[in-house]
Amino acid sequence: MQHISVLIKPASSACNMKCAYCFYEDVANSREQEFQGFLREEQMEQVIVEAMKLAERSCSFLFQGGEPTLAGLSFYESVIRLQKKHRKDGVLIYNSIQTNGYRLTEDMIRFFVRERFLIGVSLDGPEQVHDLYRTGRSGGGTFREVMETIALLKRFCADYNVLCVVTEESAKKGREIYRFYREQGFGWMQFIPCLAPLDGAPEGGGYAPSPTTYGRFLTEVFDCWLGDLKRGEFVSIRHLDNWMAILLGGQPACCGMVGRCSIQFVVEGDGGVYPCDFYVLDEWRMGTVGEQSFESMCEGTAAREFLEESAKLPEDCRTCRFYVLCRNGCRRERSAGKNIYCESYRMFFSAREKELEQAALLIQKKALNLV
């Protein structure tokens, strides 16, 4: 493989926050063993060895949770040491971490900056929006502590972005959230709709936005983003970056926008390996590091069935003129095989079709240094 990506949960589902909508707590509660321990150094070494066997040009290691910083600074120091030990000539290694940003130490931030980790921080918007669902273990908001972490990231010139989980409530405040981010100087953003519970109602279940509310959110954020773009201020928003890439003849980088799943190699705290972060469930366990190779896991029954299931395409999609952009979305956001936000995307693409093309042209011109 020219590029391989491995997602690692070194602290399993352990977390120092108690977010009301946490999708991974829901996943963990759906397994026979909820918390699967902390990844041992020898297991992490085996992960690196297996990744290097498959990587030809580059290899990305993404650390996520739960809260991955609970693995401790010494764990990440060992990661860097082991990567240097096993790296292959001609293969570039990239590290990133997705953190809740809650009470990170200065030493840990300095380390991530020194070792060039891309740091994703979960921040749902201004204080009243963020604190609605993202609380500490004993209750109470976490906004101020997260903003203190972001201040340190700015101080040490970290490479970071912010991730916003879009709920039914926050989806009603698209402009407010975008403007707050811009006031903070954020130039790289991700907006991800909150996942409905695995056993809950797919549309609007739990804290997930309804299709109508989410469609309005997409439109509000796009309008704000386009306004900045017209003023010569480019802001990176992940889903818009991917749509722009498609409109300009390229391919989306986000797996949930490709139209079918790929094997992501998600490593849990006990060394178990799964095909996707959203499906770290007993029935999809592909194997265990140190017992099976990544290559053999890809050829196993769990991997094959997982990929086959994602490739099924509803008849509506075959005749939809927006399919090239939507592609039926992420499998985890489908009900009876169809994306639950189909209505959202139809609303948005129908209302902003010309503006999307205009934005793609502006970006193309900028890339060619014509504006």
Protein backbone atom coordinates (compact mmCIF):
# COMPACT_ATOMS: atom_id res chain seq x y z
CA MET A 1 0.00 0.00 0.00
CA GLN A 2 1.36 3.42 -0.92
CA HIS A 3 -0.18 4.93 2.20
CA ILE A 4 -1.42 3.23 5.33
CA SER A 5 -3.34 4.79 8.20
CA VAL A 6 -3.62 3.28 11.68
CA LEU A 7 -5.97 4.62 14.35
CA ILE A 8 -4.91 3.73 17.90
CA LYS A 9 -6.90 3.90 21.12
CA PRO A 10 -4.09 3.64 23.69
CA ALA A 11 -6.43 4.32 26.63
CA SER A 12 -9.40 2.42 25.18
CA SER A 13 -12.67 4.07 26.27
CA ALA A 14 -11.19 5.74 29.37
CA CYS A 15 -11.91 9.47 29.51
CA ASN A 16 -11.63 12.33 32.00
CA MET A 17 -14.80 13.94 30.64
CA LYS A 18 -18.43 12.81 30.49
CA CYS A 19 -19.90 14.04 27.21
CA ALA A 20 -23.62 13.34 27.04
CA TYR A 21 -23.50 12.25 23.40
CA CYS A 22 -20.23 10.25 23.45
CA PHE A 23 -20.40 7.80 20.57
CA TYR A 24 -17.50 5.71 21.88
CA GLU A 25 -19.12 5.15 25.24
CA ASP A 26 -22.09 3.82 23.29
CA VAL A 27 -19.76 1.56 21.29
CA ALA A 28 -17.99 0.31 24.43
CA ASN A 29 -21.30 -0.40 26.15
CA SER A 30 -22.27 -2.57 23.18
CA ARG A 31 -19.28 -4.90 23.67
CA GLU A 32 -18.93 -7.84 26.00
CA GLN A 33 -15.91 -6.09 27.57
CA GLU A 34 -16.41 -2.33 27.69
CA PHE A 35 -13.00 -1.02 28.80
CA GLN A 36 -10.18 -2.90 27.07
CA GLY A 37 -7.21 -1.59 29.02
CA PHE A 38 -4.18 0.51 28.16
CA LEU A 39 -2.08 -0.47 25.17
CA ARG A 40 1.27 -1.92 26.26
CA GLU A 41 4.54 -0.73 24.75
CA GLU A 42 5.27 -4.13 23.21
CA GLN A 43 1.86 -4.08 21.53
CA MET A 44 2.49 -0.58 20.19
CA GLU A 45 5.80 -1.79 18.79
CA GLN A 46 4.02 -4.61 16.97
CA VAL A 47 1.53 -2.11 15.52
CA ILE A 48 4.42 -0.06 14.12
CA VAL A 49 6.14 -3.15 12.73
CA GLU A 50 2.96 -4.30 10.97
CA ALA A 51 2.27 -0.84 9.58
CA MET A 52 5.80 -0.57 8.18
CA LYS A 53 5.37 -3.91 6.41
CA LEU A 54 2.50 -2.51 4.36
CA ALA A 55 3.52 1.16 3.94
CA GLU A 56 5.34 2.12 0.75
CA ARG A 57 5.35 5.92 0.74
CA SER A 58 3.81 7.15 3.98
CA CYS A 59 2.24 5.96 7.21
CA SER A 60 -0.08 7.88 9.52
CA PHE A 61 -0.67 7.08 13.17
CA LEU A 62 -3.74 8.73 14.68
CA PHE A 63 -4.27 8.49 18.44
CA GLN A 64 -7.84 8.76 19.63
CA GLY A 65 -10.09 7.60 22.44
CA GLY A 66 -11.78 7.78 24.84
CA GLU A 67 -9.14 10.32 25.77
CA PRO A 68 -5.76 9.25 24.34
CA THR A 69 -3.65 11.60 26.49
CA LEU A 70 -4.55 9.43 29.51
CA ALA A 71 -1.98 6.96 28.19
CA GLY A 72 0.62 9.38 29.53
CA LEU A 73 3.58 11.26 28.14
CA SER A 74 5.93 8.27 28.53
CA PHE A 75 3.75 6.23 26.17
CA TYR A 76 4.10 8.80 23.39
CA GLU A 77 7.82 9.13 24.01
CA SER A 78 8.07 5.38 23.45
CA VAL A 79 6.00 5.72 20.26
CA ILE A 80 8.54 8.13 18.76
CA ARG A 81 11.43 5.93 19.84
CA LEU A 82 9.85 2.84 18.30
CA GLN A 83 8.98 4.65 15.08
CA LYS A 84 12.60 5.69 14.68
CA LYS A 85 13.69 2.12 15.39
CA HIS A 86 11.41 0.52 12.78
CA ARG A 87 10.95 3.22 10.14
CA LYS A 88 11.56 2.18 6.55
CA ASP A 89 13.68 4.12 4.05
CA GLY A 90 11.45 6.19 1.79
CA VAL A 91 8.41 6.00 4.09
CA LEU A 92 7.26 9.23 5.74
CA ILE A 93 5.65 8.93 9.17
CA TYR A 94 2.92 11.30 10.36
CA ASN A 95 1.45 11.47 13.85
CA SER A 96 -1.76 13.10 15.00
CA ILE A 97 -3.88 13.03 18.12
CA GLN A 98 -7.53 13.86 18.73
CA THR A 99 -7.98 15.14 22.28
CA ASN A 100 -10.76 16.67 24.33
CA GLY A 101 -8.20 19.32 25.33
CA TYR A 102 -9.18 19.01 28.96
CA ARG A 103 -6.34 19.89 31.34
CA LEU A 104 -3.45 18.94 29.08
CA THR A 105 -0.10 19.58 30.72
CA GLU A 106 2.39 22.02 29.28
CA ASP A 107 5.00 19.24 29.10
CA MET A 108 2.73 17.09 26.94
CA ILE A 109 1.90 19.99 24.62
CA ARG A 110 5.59 20.86 24.27
CA PHE A 111 6.29 17.23 23.35
CA PHE A 112 3.56 17.08 20.70
CA VAL A 113 4.81 20.33 19.17
CA ARG A 114 8.44 19.18 19.20
CA GLU A 115 7.54 15.88 17.54
CA ARG A 116 5.25 17.59 15.02
CA PHE A 117 1.98 15.96 15.97
CA LEU A 118 -1.12 17.40 14.36
CA ILE A 119 -3.42 18.09 17.31
CA GLY A 120 -7.18 17.96 16.94
CA VAL A 121 -9.11 19.57 19.79
CA SER A 122 -12.80 18.90 20.39
CA LEU A 123 -14.58 22.21 20.91
CA ASP A 124 -18.28 22.51 20.16
CA GLY A 125 -18.44 26.29 19.93
CA PRO A 126 -18.76 29.20 22.38
CA GLU A 127 -19.12 28.48 26.09
CA GLN A 128 -22.89 28.06 26.30
CA VAL A 129 -22.89 25.67 23.33
CA HIS A 130 -19.82 23.66 24.33
CA ASP A 131 -20.80 23.25 27.97
CA LEU A 132 -24.28 22.02 27.15
CA TYR A 133 -23.06 18.46 26.59
CA ARG A 134 -19.28 18.42 27.18
CA THR A 135 -18.89 18.23 30.96
CA GLY A 136 -16.36 16.93 33.46
CA ARG A 137 -16.75 13.58 35.23
CA SER A 138 -18.28 15.32 38.26
CA GLY A 139 -20.40 17.68 36.19
CA GLY A 140 -19.78 21.29 35.23
CA GLY A 141 -18.61 22.77 31.97
CA THR A 142 -15.18 22.21 30.45
CA PHE A 143 -15.05 25.16 28.06
CA ARG A 144 -12.62 27.29 30.05
CA GLU A 145 -10.13 24.47 30.57
CA VAL A 146 -10.23 23.58 26.86
CA MET A 147 -9.66 27.21 25.91
CA GLU A 148 -6.66 27.29 28.26
CA THR A 149 -5.23 24.34 26.33
CA ILE A 150 -5.86 26.12 23.02
CA ALA A 151 -4.08 29.19 24.38
CA LEU A 152 -1.04 27.00 25.07
CA LEU A 153 -1.25 25.50 21.58
CA LYS A 154 -1.18 29.01 20.15
CA ARG A 155 1.65 30.02 22.45
CA PHE A 156 3.84 27.10 21.35
CA CYS A 157 2.86 27.45 17.66
CA ALA A 158 1.27 24.00 17.52
CA ASP A 159 -0.24 22.57 14.36
CA TYR A 160 -3.85 22.14 15.47
CA ASN A 161 -7.45 22.20 14.34
CA VAL A 162 -10.82 22.14 16.07
CA LEU A 163 -13.53 19.51 15.79
CA CYS A 164 -17.16 20.33 16.46
CA VAL A 165 -19.74 17.63 17.09
CA VAL A 166 -23.00 18.94 15.62
CA THR A 167 -26.06 18.16 17.73
CA GLU A 168 -29.69 19.08 17.24
CA GLU A 169 -29.15 22.13 19.47
CA SER A 170 -25.83 23.33 18.08
CA ALA A 171 -27.02 22.81 14.50
CA LYS A 172 -29.38 25.73 15.11
CA LYS A 173 -26.37 27.99 15.73
CA GLY A 174 -24.22 27.46 12.64
CA ARG A 175 -23.40 31.15 12.09
CA GLU A 176 -22.72 31.74 15.77
CA ILE A 177 -20.31 28.81 16.00
CA TYR A 178 -18.47 29.72 12.78
CA ARG A 179 -18.08 33.34 13.79
CA PHE A 180 -16.81 32.35 17.23
CA TYR A 181 -14.19 30.11 15.64
CA ARG A 182 -13.08 32.89 13.34
CA GLU A 183 -12.86 35.34 16.25
CA GLN A 184 -10.50 32.85 17.90
CA GLY A 185 -8.35 32.77 14.77
CA PHE A 186 -9.16 29.17 13.87
CA GLY A 187 -8.42 28.43 10.23
CA TRP A 188 -8.93 24.65 10.25
CA MET A 189 -12.27 23.19 11.31
CA GLN A 190 -14.21 19.93 11.24
CA PHE A 191 -17.95 19.61 11.71
CA ILE A 192 -19.23 16.09 12.35
CA PRO A 193 -22.91 15.30 12.97
CA CYS A 194 -23.50 13.59 16.29
CA LEU A 195 -24.08 9.87 15.84
CA ALA A 196 -27.36 8.34 16.87
CA PRO A 197 -27.07 5.46 19.39
CA LEU A 198 -26.33 2.06 17.88
CA ASP A 199 -29.68 0.75 19.11
CA GLY A 200 -31.61 4.02 18.88
CA ALA A 201 -33.82 5.76 16.34
CA PRO A 202 -31.58 6.72 13.38
CA GLU A 203 -33.14 10.07 12.61
CA GLY A 204 -32.72 12.52 15.45
CA GLY A 205 -32.05 9.66 17.88
CA GLY A 206 -30.26 10.74 21.05
CA TYR A 207 -28.59 14.09 20.36
CA ALA A 208 -28.16 13.69 16.61
CA PRO A 209 -29.48 16.57 14.46
CA SER A 210 -32.61 16.00 12.45
CA PRO A 211 -32.19 16.05 8.66
CA THR A 212 -33.93 19.42 8.35
CA THR A 213 -31.89 21.07 11.10
CA TYR A 214 -28.65 19.66 9.73
CA GLY A 215 -29.47 20.87 6.22
CA ARG A 216 -29.91 24.40 7.54
CA PHE A 217 -26.64 24.10 9.46
CA LEU A 218 -24.74 23.08 6.30
CA THR A 219 -26.16 26.10 4.49
CA GLU A 220 -25.36 28.60 7.26
CA VAL A 221 -21.77 27.43 7.65
CA PHE A 222 -21.23 27.39 3.89
CA ASP A 223 -22.54 30.94 3.51
CA CYS A 224 -20.16 32.19 6.21
CA TRP A 225 -17.26 30.28 4.66
CA LEU A 226 -18.01 31.56 1.16
CA GLY A 227 -18.15 35.12 2.44
CA ASP A 228 -14.65 34.74 3.83
CA LEU A 229 -13.45 33.10 0.62
CA LYS A 230 -14.72 36.01 -1.47
CA ARG A 231 -12.74 38.35 0.78
CA GLY A 232 -9.61 36.34 0.08
CA GLU A 233 -9.65 34.52 3.43
CA PHE A 234 -9.52 30.75 2.93
CA VAL A 235 -10.75 28.65 5.86
CA SER A 236 -10.25 24.90 5.78
CA ILE A 237 -13.46 23.04 6.65
CA ARG A 238 -13.09 19.34 6.13
CA HIS A 239 -16.37 18.50 4.40
CA LEU A 240 -16.15 21.60 2.20
CA ASP A 241 -12.53 20.82 1.30
CA ASN A 242 -13.67 17.39 0.12
CA TRP A 243 -16.59 18.74 -1.92
CA MET A 244 -14.30 21.29 -3.52
CA ALA A 245 -11.85 18.51 -4.43
CA ILE A 246 -14.65 16.55 -6.12
CA LEU A 247 -15.91 19.58 -8.04
CA LEU A 248 -12.36 20.22 -9.26
CA GLY A 249 -12.02 16.68 -10.59
CA GLY A 250 -10.25 15.08 -7.63
CA GLN A 251 -11.19 12.50 -5.03
CA PRO A 252 -12.37 13.08 -1.46
CA ALA A 253 -9.84 12.36 1.29
CA CYS A 254 -12.43 11.75 4.01
CA CYS A 255 -13.40 8.07 4.17
CA GLY A 256 -17.04 8.89 4.92
CA MET A 257 -17.32 10.79 1.63
CA VAL A 258 -15.86 8.15 -0.66
CA GLY A 259 -19.06 6.10 -0.90
CA ARG A 260 -17.74 2.84 0.45
CA CYS A 261 -15.64 1.77 3.40
CA SER A 262 -11.97 0.87 3.51
CA ILE A 263 -10.04 -0.93 6.22
CA GLN A 264 -8.78 1.62 8.76
CA PHE A 265 -6.87 -0.65 11.19
CA VAL A 266 -8.32 0.60 14.47
CA VAL A 267 -6.30 -0.75 17.42
CA GLU A 268 -7.97 -1.00 20.83
CA GLY A 269 -6.29 -1.00 24.23
CA ASP A 270 -6.01 -4.79 24.36
CA GLY A 271 -4.43 -5.00 20.91
CA GLY A 272 -7.64 -5.94 19.12
CA VAL A 273 -7.91 -4.61 15.56
CA TYR A 274 -11.12 -3.44 13.87
CA PRO A 275 -11.95 -2.02 10.41
CA CYS A 276 -13.49 1.30 11.52
CA ASP A 277 -13.63 3.61 14.52
CA PHE A 278 -17.43 3.50 14.46
CA TYR A 279 -17.50 -0.31 14.48
CA VAL A 280 -15.14 -1.34 17.26
CA LEU A 281 -17.59 -4.09 18.14
CA ASP A 282 -17.06 -7.75 18.96
CA GLU A 283 -18.52 -8.96 15.67
CA TRP A 284 -16.08 -6.88 13.62
CA ARG A 285 -12.85 -7.75 15.42
CA MET A 286 -10.38 -8.73 12.69
CA GLY A 287 -7.64 -10.04 14.95
CA THR A 288 -5.05 -9.09 17.55
CA VAL A 289 -1.65 -7.44 17.05
CA GLY A 290 1.11 -9.95 17.58
CA GLU A 291 -1.19 -12.86 16.72
CA GLN A 292 -2.18 -12.03 13.14
CA SER A 293 -0.54 -9.75 10.60
CA PHE A 294 -2.36 -6.70 9.23
CA GLU A 295 -2.19 -8.33 5.80
CA SER A 296 -3.94 -11.49 6.97
CA MET A 297 -6.57 -9.41 8.79
CA CYS A 298 -7.39 -7.66 5.49
CA GLU A 299 -7.98 -11.05 3.91
CA GLY A 300 -10.17 -12.34 6.74
CA THR A 301 -13.93 -12.83 6.85
CA ALA A 302 -14.66 -9.81 9.07
CA ALA A 303 -12.84 -7.42 6.75
CA ARG A 304 -14.41 -8.85 3.60
CA GLU A 305 -17.95 -8.74 4.96
CA PHE A 306 -17.44 -5.23 6.33
CA LEU A 307 -16.37 -3.92 2.92
CA GLU A 308 -19.11 -5.73 1.05
CA GLU A 309 -21.83 -4.32 3.30
CA SER A 310 -20.71 -0.75 2.70
CA ALA A 311 -20.76 -1.07 -1.09
CA LYS A 312 -24.51 -1.59 -1.36
CA LEU A 313 -26.18 1.33 -3.15
CA PRO A 314 -29.86 2.32 -2.84
CA GLU A 315 -31.79 2.72 -6.08
CA ASP A 316 -32.49 6.39 -5.26
CA CYS A 317 -28.76 7.12 -5.31
CA ARG A 318 -28.34 5.69 -8.81
CA THR A 319 -30.54 8.38 -10.31
CA CYS A 320 -29.69 11.30 -7.98
CA ARG A 321 -27.78 14.15 -9.64
CA PHE A 322 -26.12 14.96 -6.33
CA TYR A 323 -24.72 11.46 -5.83
CA VAL A 324 -21.29 12.50 -7.09
CA LEU A 325 -21.00 14.79 -4.05
CA CYS A 326 -23.00 12.84 -1.46
CA ARG A 327 -22.11 9.22 -2.35
CA ASN A 328 -24.58 8.01 0.28
CA GLY A 329 -22.29 9.26 3.04
CA CYS A 330 -20.74 7.31 5.87
CA ARG A 331 -22.07 3.80 6.48
CA ARG A 332 -22.61 4.61 10.16
CA GLU A 333 -25.07 7.31 9.09
CA ARG A 334 -27.25 4.98 7.03
CA SER A 335 -30.60 3.44 7.88
CA ALA A 336 -31.87 0.56 5.76
CA GLY A 337 -28.87 1.26 3.50
CA LYS A 338 -29.66 4.93 2.86
CA ASN A 339 -27.99 7.96 4.40
CA ILE A 340 -30.20 9.49 7.07
CA TYR A 341 -29.05 12.96 5.95
CA CYS A 342 -30.15 12.49 2.34
CA GLU A 343 -32.76 15.20 2.86
CA SER A 344 -30.10 17.49 4.40
CA TYR A 345 -27.81 17.16 1.40
CA ARG A 346 -30.64 17.63 -1.09
CA MET A 347 -31.67 20.80 0.75
CA PHE A 348 -28.15 22.17 0.73
CA PHE A 349 -27.04 21.18 -2.77
CA SER A 350 -30.31 22.40 -4.31
CA ALA A 351 -30.10 25.76 -2.54
CA ARG A 352 -26.38 26.39 -3.10
CA GLU A 353 -25.51 24.59 -6.33
CA LYS A 354 -24.32 27.71 -8.18
CA GLU A 355 -22.45 28.99 -5.14
CA LEU A 356 -20.59 25.68 -4.79
CA GLU A 357 -19.42 25.94 -8.39
CA GLN A 358 -18.44 29.57 -7.81
CA ALA A 359 -16.41 28.60 -4.74
CA ALA A 360 -14.61 25.84 -6.64
CA LEU A 361 -13.69 28.33 -9.37
CA LEU A 362 -12.36 30.82 -6.80
CA ILE A 363 -10.21 28.12 -5.21
CA GLN A 364 -8.94 26.97 -8.59
CA LYS A 365 -7.99 30.52 -9.54
CA LYS A 366 -6.25 31.05 -6.24
CA ALA A 367 -4.28 27.83 -6.75
CA LEU A 368 -3.21 29.14 -10.15
CA ASN A 369 -2.24 32.50 -8.63
CA LEU A 370 -4.77 34.29 -10.79
CA VAL A 371 -6.38 36.21 -7.94
